[in-house]
Protein backbone atom coordinates (compact mmCIF):
# COMPACT_ATOMS: atom_id res chain seq x y z
CA UNK A 1 -104.81 -8.36 29.83
CA UNK A 2 -102.67 -5.24 29.90
CA UNK A 3 -99.70 -5.16 32.24
CA UNK A 4 -98.86 -1.98 34.07
CA UNK A 5 -95.28 -0.78 33.68
CA UNK A 6 -93.08 -1.23 36.70
CA UNK A 7 -92.43 1.93 38.64
CA UNK A 8 -88.83 3.00 39.19
CA UNK A 9 -87.49 2.34 42.67
CA UNK A 10 -87.63 5.19 45.17
CA UNK A 11 -84.58 7.42 45.39
CA UNK A 12 -83.58 6.03 48.78
CA UNK A 13 -83.74 2.43 47.58
CA UNK A 14 -81.73 3.34 44.50
CA UNK A 15 -79.10 5.06 46.65
CA UNK A 16 -78.92 2.01 48.94
CA UNK A 17 -78.58 -0.30 45.96
CA UNK A 18 -75.78 1.88 44.62
CA UNK A 19 -73.83 2.08 47.89
CA UNK A 20 -74.59 -1.49 48.96
CA UNK A 21 -75.26 -0.43 52.59
CA UNK A 22 -78.80 -0.58 53.95
CA UNK A 23 -80.22 1.86 56.46
CA UNK A 24 -80.07 -0.78 59.21
CA UNK A 25 -76.36 -1.34 58.60
CA UNK A 26 -75.75 2.42 58.70
CA UNK A 27 -77.51 2.65 62.08
CA UNK A 28 -75.47 -0.27 63.46
CA UNK A 29 -72.22 1.33 62.28
CA UNK A 30 -73.24 4.65 63.86
CA UNK A 31 -74.08 3.01 67.20
CA UNK A 32 -70.77 1.12 67.27
CA UNK A 33 -68.87 4.34 66.47
CA UNK A 34 -70.68 6.17 69.29
CA UNK A 35 -69.91 3.38 71.77
CA UNK A 36 -66.22 3.43 70.81
CA UNK A 37 -66.11 7.23 71.13
CA UNK A 38 -67.79 7.07 74.54
CA UNK A 39 -65.32 4.41 75.71
CA UNK A 40 -62.41 6.57 74.52
CA UNK A 41 -63.75 9.65 76.32
CA UNK A 42 -64.40 7.69 79.53
CA UNK A 43 -60.89 6.24 79.48
CA UNK A 44 -59.41 9.73 79.08
CA UNK A 45 -61.55 11.04 81.95
CA UNK A 46 -60.46 8.12 84.10
CA UNK A 47 -56.81 8.73 83.28
CA UNK A 48 -57.18 12.44 84.07
CA UNK A 49 -58.08 11.53 87.65
CA UNK A 50 -55.79 13.47 90.00
CA UNK A 51 -54.78 10.26 91.73
CA UNK A 52 -53.19 8.88 88.51
CA UNK A 53 -49.69 10.12 87.85
CA UNK A 54 -48.76 12.03 84.71
CA UNK A 55 -46.27 9.37 83.72
CA UNK A 56 -49.08 6.84 83.28
CA UNK A 57 -50.92 9.18 80.93
CA UNK A 58 -47.70 9.82 79.03
CA UNK A 59 -47.03 6.09 78.71
CA UNK A 60 -50.54 5.43 77.45
CA UNK A 61 -50.22 8.12 74.77
CA UNK A 62 -46.84 6.72 73.77
CA UNK A 63 -48.49 3.33 73.31
CA UNK A 64 -51.25 4.93 71.21
CA UNK A 65 -48.64 6.65 69.04
CA UNK A 66 -46.72 3.39 68.60
CA UNK A 67 -49.88 1.57 67.53
CA UNK A 68 -50.71 4.38 65.12
CA UNK A 69 -47.24 4.28 63.57
CA UNK A 70 -47.54 0.49 63.28
CA UNK A 71 -50.84 0.85 61.41
CA UNK A 72 -49.35 3.53 59.12
CA UNK A 73 -46.38 1.26 58.40
CA UNK A 74 -48.66 -1.64 57.44
CA UNK A 75 -50.71 0.66 55.19
CA UNK A 76 -47.53 1.92 53.49
CA UNK A 77 -46.36 -1.66 52.87
CA UNK A 78 -49.75 -2.51 51.33
CA UNK A 79 -49.53 0.64 49.21
CA UNK A 80 -46.07 -0.32 47.93
CA UNK A 81 -47.27 -3.83 47.07
CA UNK A 82 -50.29 -2.46 45.19
CA UNK A 83 -48.03 -0.05 43.30
CA UNK A 84 -45.71 -2.91 42.32
CA UNK A 85 -48.70 -4.95 41.10
CA UNK A 86 -49.92 -1.99 39.03
CA UNK A 87 -46.49 -1.48 37.44
CA UNK A 88 -46.29 -5.20 36.66
CA UNK A 89 -49.75 -5.09 35.09
CA UNK A 90 -48.82 -2.12 32.92
CA UNK A 91 -45.54 -3.63 31.75
CA UNK A 92 -46.56 -7.25 31.21
CA UNK A 93 -50.22 -7.09 30.19
CA UNK A 94 -51.24 -3.66 28.92
CA UNK A 95 -48.11 -2.97 26.83
CA UNK A 96 -48.37 -6.22 24.79
CA UNK A 97 -52.06 -5.53 24.17
CA UNK A 98 -51.21 -2.06 22.83
CA UNK A 99 -48.44 -3.48 20.64
CA UNK A 100 -50.83 -6.11 19.24
CA UNK A 101 -53.43 -3.43 18.56
CA UNK A 102 -50.87 -1.31 16.69
CA UNK A 103 -49.88 -4.31 14.55
CA UNK A 104 -53.54 -5.01 13.77
CA UNK A 105 -54.16 -1.40 12.76
CA UNK A 106 -51.09 -1.43 10.50
CA UNK A 107 -52.27 -4.67 8.86
CA UNK A 108 -55.75 -3.25 8.41
CA UNK A 109 -54.32 -0.07 6.88
CA UNK A 110 -52.37 -2.17 4.37
CA UNK A 111 -55.44 -4.27 3.54
CA UNK A 112 -57.57 -1.18 2.94
CA UNK A 113 -54.90 0.34 0.69
CA UNK A 114 -54.63 -2.92 -1.29
CA UNK A 115 -58.40 -3.18 -1.72
CA UNK A 116 -58.63 0.47 -2.73
CA UNK A 117 -55.89 0.14 -5.35
CA UNK A 118 -56.90 -3.25 -6.77
CA UNK A 119 -60.68 -3.37 -6.38
CA UNK A 120 -62.32 -0.01 -5.84
CA UNK A 121 -60.36 2.06 -8.36
CA UNK A 122 -60.80 -0.44 -11.26
CA UNK A 123 -64.54 -0.69 -10.59
CA UNK A 124 -64.85 3.09 -10.52
CA UNK A 125 -62.88 3.39 -13.78
CA UNK A 126 -65.07 0.70 -15.40
CA UNK A 127 -68.21 2.58 -14.33
CA UNK A 128 -66.77 5.80 -15.81
CA UNK A 129 -66.08 4.09 -19.16
CA UNK A 130 -69.49 2.40 -19.21
CA UNK A 131 -71.24 5.71 -18.49
CA UNK A 132 -69.26 7.39 -21.29
CA UNK A 133 -70.05 4.55 -23.72
CA UNK A 134 -73.75 4.73 -22.83
CA UNK A 135 -73.79 8.49 -23.39
CA UNK A 136 -71.99 8.02 -26.73
CA UNK A 137 -74.52 5.36 -27.82
CA UNK A 138 -77.40 7.65 -26.77
CA UNK A 139 -75.94 10.47 -28.91
CA UNK A 140 -75.29 8.30 -31.97
CA UNK A 141 -78.54 6.30 -31.89
CA UNK A 142 -81.59 8.16 -33.08
CA UNK A 143 -84.08 8.80 -30.33
CA UNK A 144 -87.42 7.06 -30.35
CA UNK A 145 -90.42 9.43 -30.32
C-alpha cells in the first residue's frame, strides 16, 4: 500500500505557526483595542463638555502624563537591569569560553605540528626511498619478456 506524501501546510497556517498567534486571538486583540479607543474618545468628549471647567481637563492630562512618566521609568529600570545581566554574561560566561577555545586551538596546533614532524615526514621520506629503491631494482634487473 503506497502512502501519499503529506502536503505542506497552507501559507496562513504556516504564518500562524511562526507567529504563535491564531486568527481568533488577533480578532480578540483588535476588538479589545477598539473598545479601549472608543472609551478614551468618549471620555475626552465627556470632559470637553462646556459645563466641565478647564482645570479638570488640565488635571486629568497631568495625571495621564504622570502615569506615562511612571511607565517610562519602570521600562528604563528594566532596561538597565537587562543591560547589567548582559554585561555579566559577557564577562563571566562568554569570555572564559573564548579563552578555553583559544587554549584548545593552541594545543591542537602543537599536536598537528608534532605529528607532522614526527610521523608524516618520516613516512613520506620512507616512501620516497622505497620508490627510488624499486626504480633502481627495476633498472638493474633484466626485464621479463
